Amino acid sequence: MKVIIDLIDDVREAINNELSFSLSVMGLKENEEGEFIPSWQANINQYKLDNENKKLYLFLGKGDALNMASFLSELNRLTNEEMMYEILVSYTKEEQRKDLPLMGFGESISEKKYLLFISEEL
């Protein structure tokens, strides 16, 4: 389970809080050897903090990806308790909402994208 403070710490280490990066998700598919390989990529363009369930939902969309500058600005305003909320990637597939936990974090320096990894095909 990845929580908000994990994301903030990784952004600081991986991209040195580079605010010009955008936020994307990469789906990983497990092959026969048990290795995870990239299968798709999509933008995160909305998010919602759910205080009742103690979760941060990141929504996939066809619009522009969230800018790390505005996203980090919002995350850094959270309370210590909110920093411990689980992060889930949310999307709709076959008219059913899916909320998936993160497997990890990464970055694409050449594309200026900060990536969140999940294991699920769209």
C-alpha atoms as a PDB file:
ATOM      1  CA  MET A   1       0.000   0.000   0.000  1.00  0.00           C
ATOM      2  CA  LYS A   2       1.383   3.379  -1.041  1.00  0.00           C
ATOM      3  CA  VAL A   3       0.338   6.485   0.859  1.00  0.00           C
ATOM      4  CA  ILE A   4       0.571  10.173   0.012  1.00  0.00           C
ATOM      5  CA  ILE A   5       3.776  10.801   1.987  1.00  0.00           C
ATOM      6  CA  ASP A   6       5.441   7.965  -0.013  1.00  0.00           C
ATOM      7  CA  LEU A   7       4.574   9.801  -3.219  1.00  0.00           C
ATOM      8  CA  ILE A   8       5.863  13.136  -1.911  1.00  0.00           C
ATOM      9  CA  ASP A   9       9.140  11.545  -0.763  1.00  0.00           C
ATOM     10  CA  ASP A  10       9.659   9.770  -4.081  1.00  0.00           C
ATOM     11  CA  VAL A  11       8.943  12.928  -6.110  1.00  0.00           C
ATOM     12  CA  ARG A  12      11.616  14.725  -4.092  1.00  0.00           C
ATOM     13  CA  GLU A  13      14.163  11.938  -4.655  1.00  0.00           C
ATOM     14  CA  ALA A  14      13.318  10.870  -8.229  1.00  0.00           C
ATOM     15  CA  ILE A  15      12.745  14.207  -9.961  1.00  0.00           C
ATOM     16  CA  ASN A  16      13.972  16.672  -7.324  1.00  0.00           C
ATOM     17  CA  ASN A  17      10.483  18.249  -7.098  1.00  0.00           C
ATOM     18  CA  GLU A  18      10.717  19.267 -10.770  1.00  0.00           C
ATOM     19  CA  LEU A  19       7.477  21.184 -11.197  1.00  0.00           C
ATOM     20  CA  SER A  20       7.366  21.048 -14.997  1.00  0.00           C
ATOM     21  CA  PHE A  21       6.619  17.292 -14.961  1.00  0.00           C
ATOM     22  CA  SER A  22       3.127  15.917 -15.564  1.00  0.00           C
ATOM     23  CA  LEU A  23       1.458  12.991 -13.787  1.00  0.00           C
ATOM     24  CA  SER A  24       0.718   9.721 -15.614  1.00  0.00           C
ATOM     25  CA  VAL A  25      -0.082   6.094 -14.875  1.00  0.00           C
ATOM     26  CA  MET A  26       1.580   3.121 -16.508  1.00  0.00           C
ATOM     27  CA  GLY A  27      -0.155  -0.245 -16.509  1.00  0.00           C
ATOM     28  CA  LEU A  28       2.132  -3.208 -16.059  1.00  0.00           C
ATOM     29  CA  LYS A  29       1.391  -6.717 -17.289  1.00  0.00           C
ATOM     30  CA  GLU A  30       3.102  -9.786 -15.872  1.00  0.00           C
ATOM     31  CA  ASN A  31       4.710 -12.064 -18.470  1.00  0.00           C
ATOM     32  CA  GLU A  32       5.385 -15.823 -18.292  1.00  0.00           C
ATOM     33  CA  GLU A  33       8.701 -15.244 -16.473  1.00  0.00           C
ATOM     34  CA  GLY A  34       6.993 -13.236 -13.744  1.00  0.00           C
ATOM     35  CA  GLU A  35       8.434  -9.932 -14.964  1.00  0.00           C
ATOM     36  CA  PHE A  36       6.269  -6.858 -15.262  1.00  0.00           C
ATOM     37  CA  ILE A  37       6.337  -5.105 -18.631  1.00  0.00           C
ATOM     38  CA  PRO A  38       4.620  -1.837 -19.630  1.00  0.00           C
ATOM     39  CA  SER A  39       1.332  -2.394 -21.432  1.00  0.00           C
ATOM     40  CA  TRP A  40      -0.293   1.063 -21.556  1.00  0.00           C
ATOM     41  CA  GLN A  41       0.027   4.627 -20.285  1.00  0.00           C
ATOM     42  CA  ALA A  42      -2.607   7.278 -19.493  1.00  0.00           C
ATOM     43  CA  ASN A  43      -2.824  10.733 -17.953  1.00  0.00           C
ATOM     44  CA  ILE A  44      -4.064  11.513 -14.475  1.00  0.00           C
ATOM     45  CA  ASN A  45      -6.222  14.589 -14.911  1.00  0.00           C
ATOM     46  CA  GLN A  46      -8.269  14.748 -11.690  1.00  0.00           C
ATOM     47  CA  TYR A  47      -7.995  13.727  -8.087  1.00  0.00           C
ATOM     48  CA  LYS A  48     -10.219  13.573  -5.035  1.00  0.00           C
ATOM     49  CA  LEU A  49      -9.314  13.330  -1.371  1.00  0.00           C
ATOM     50  CA  ASP A  50     -11.835  11.103   0.422  1.00  0.00           C
ATOM     51  CA  ASN A  51     -11.604  11.894   4.135  1.00  0.00           C
ATOM     52  CA  GLU A  52     -14.305   9.409   5.082  1.00  0.00           C
ATOM     53  CA  ASN A  53     -12.461   6.411   3.589  1.00  0.00           C
ATOM     54  CA  LYS A  54      -8.956   7.879   4.053  1.00  0.00           C
ATOM     55  CA  LYS A  55      -8.007   7.575   0.391  1.00  0.00           C
ATOM     56  CA  LEU A  56      -6.680   9.745  -2.417  1.00  0.00           C
ATOM     57  CA  TYR A  57      -8.290   8.829  -5.745  1.00  0.00           C
ATOM     58  CA  LEU A  58      -6.408   9.679  -8.947  1.00  0.00           C
ATOM     59  CA  PHE A  59      -8.603   9.589 -12.036  1.00  0.00           C
ATOM     60  CA  LEU A  60      -7.498   8.622 -15.537  1.00  0.00           C
ATOM     61  CA  GLY A  61      -8.734  10.838 -18.321  1.00  0.00           C
ATOM     62  CA  LYS A  62      -8.258  11.866 -21.908  1.00  0.00           C
ATOM     63  CA  GLY A  63      -7.589  15.503 -21.023  1.00  0.00           C
ATOM     64  CA  ASP A  64      -4.327  17.144 -20.081  1.00  0.00           C
ATOM     65  CA  ALA A  65      -2.325  15.489 -17.332  1.00  0.00           C
ATOM     66  CA  LEU A  66      -2.080  17.100 -13.923  1.00  0.00           C
ATOM     67  CA  ASN A  67       0.899  19.366 -13.549  1.00  0.00           C
ATOM     68  CA  MET A  68       3.193  18.375 -10.673  1.00  0.00           C
ATOM     69  CA  ALA A  69       3.475  22.016  -9.541  1.00  0.00           C
ATOM     70  CA  SER A  70      -0.222  22.364  -8.737  1.00  0.00           C
ATOM     71  CA  PHE A  71      -0.584  18.774  -7.521  1.00  0.00           C
ATOM     72  CA  LEU A  72       2.361  19.003  -5.094  1.00  0.00           C
ATOM     73  CA  SER A  73       1.151  22.376  -3.874  1.00  0.00           C
ATOM     74  CA  GLU A  74      -2.157  20.781  -2.877  1.00  0.00           C
ATOM     75  CA  LEU A  75      -0.543  17.699  -1.319  1.00  0.00           C
ATOM     76  CA  ASN A  76       1.846  19.777   0.773  1.00  0.00           C
ATOM     77  CA  ARG A  77      -1.134  21.515   2.414  1.00  0.00           C
ATOM     78  CA  LEU A  78      -2.483  18.250   3.838  1.00  0.00           C
ATOM     79  CA  THR A  79      -2.426  17.404   7.527  1.00  0.00           C
ATOM     80  CA  ASN A  80      -0.142  14.683   8.890  1.00  0.00           C
ATOM     81  CA  GLU A  81      -3.135  12.346   9.138  1.00  0.00           C
ATOM     82  CA  GLU A  82      -4.143  12.990   5.508  1.00  0.00           C
ATOM     83  CA  MET A  83      -0.550  12.291   4.372  1.00  0.00           C
ATOM     84  CA  MET A  84      -1.160   8.679   5.451  1.00  0.00           C
ATOM     85  CA  TYR A  85      -4.136   8.162   3.112  1.00  0.00           C
ATOM     86  CA  GLU A  86      -3.822   5.328   0.599  1.00  0.00           C
ATOM     87  CA  ILE A  87      -3.408   6.287  -3.076  1.00  0.00           C
ATOM     88  CA  LEU A  88      -5.671   4.560  -5.607  1.00  0.00           C
ATOM     89  CA  VAL A  89      -5.884   4.936  -9.386  1.00  0.00           C
ATOM     90  CA  SER A  90      -9.484   5.027 -10.515  1.00  0.00           C
ATOM     91  CA  TYR A  91     -10.978   4.425 -13.947  1.00  0.00           C
ATOM     92  CA  THR A  92     -14.011   2.908 -15.607  1.00  0.00           C
ATOM     93  CA  LYS A  93     -13.794  -0.285 -17.647  1.00  0.00           C
ATOM     94  CA  GLU A  94     -16.845  -1.919 -19.178  1.00  0.00           C
ATOM     95  CA  GLU A  95     -19.103   0.484 -17.261  1.00  0.00           C
ATOM     96  CA  GLN A  96     -17.592  -0.579 -13.933  1.00  0.00           C
ATOM     97  CA  ARG A  97     -15.380   1.591 -11.757  1.00  0.00           C
ATOM     98  CA  LYS A  98     -12.022   0.131 -10.758  1.00  0.00           C
ATOM     99  CA  ASP A  99      -9.897   1.498  -7.925  1.00  0.00           C
ATOM    100  CA  LEU A 100      -6.406   0.000  -8.002  1.00  0.00           C
ATOM    101  CA  PRO A 101      -3.533   0.409  -5.529  1.00  0.00           C
ATOM    102  CA  LEU A 102      -0.128   1.567  -6.703  1.00  0.00           C
ATOM    103  CA  MET A 103       2.701  -0.891  -7.226  1.00  0.00           C
ATOM    104  CA  GLY A 104       5.346   1.807  -7.320  1.00  0.00           C
ATOM    105  CA  PHE A 105       6.660   5.048  -8.742  1.00  0.00           C
ATOM    106  CA  GLY A 106       8.960   6.034 -11.590  1.00  0.00           C
ATOM    107  CA  GLU A 107       9.812   8.781 -14.007  1.00  0.00           C
ATOM    108  CA  SER A 108      10.477   9.444 -17.666  1.00  0.00           C
ATOM    109  CA  ILE A 109      12.986  12.274 -17.766  1.00  0.00           C
ATOM    110  CA  SER A 110      12.841  12.563 -21.569  1.00  0.00           C
ATOM    111  CA  GLU A 111       9.018  12.891 -21.568  1.00  0.00           C
ATOM    112  CA  LYS A 112       8.974  14.967 -18.348  1.00  0.00           C
ATOM    113  CA  LYS A 113       6.456  12.578 -16.794  1.00  0.00           C
ATOM    114  CA  TYR A 114       6.236  11.265 -13.272  1.00  0.00           C
ATOM    115  CA  LEU A 115       4.760   7.765 -13.450  1.00  0.00           C
ATOM    116  CA  LEU A 116       2.629   5.736 -11.091  1.00  0.00           C
ATOM    117  CA  PHE A 117       2.632   1.982 -11.739  1.00  0.00           C
ATOM    118  CA  ILE A 118      -0.410  -0.287 -11.434  1.00  0.00           C
ATOM    119  CA  SER A 119      -1.004  -3.898 -12.445  1.00  0.00           C
ATOM    120  CA  GLU A 120      -4.132  -4.007 -14.582  1.00  0.00           C
ATOM    121  CA  GLU A 121      -5.050  -3.815 -18.232  1.00  0.00           C
ATOM    122  CA  LEU A 122      -7.469  -1.268 -19.575  1.00  0.00           C
END
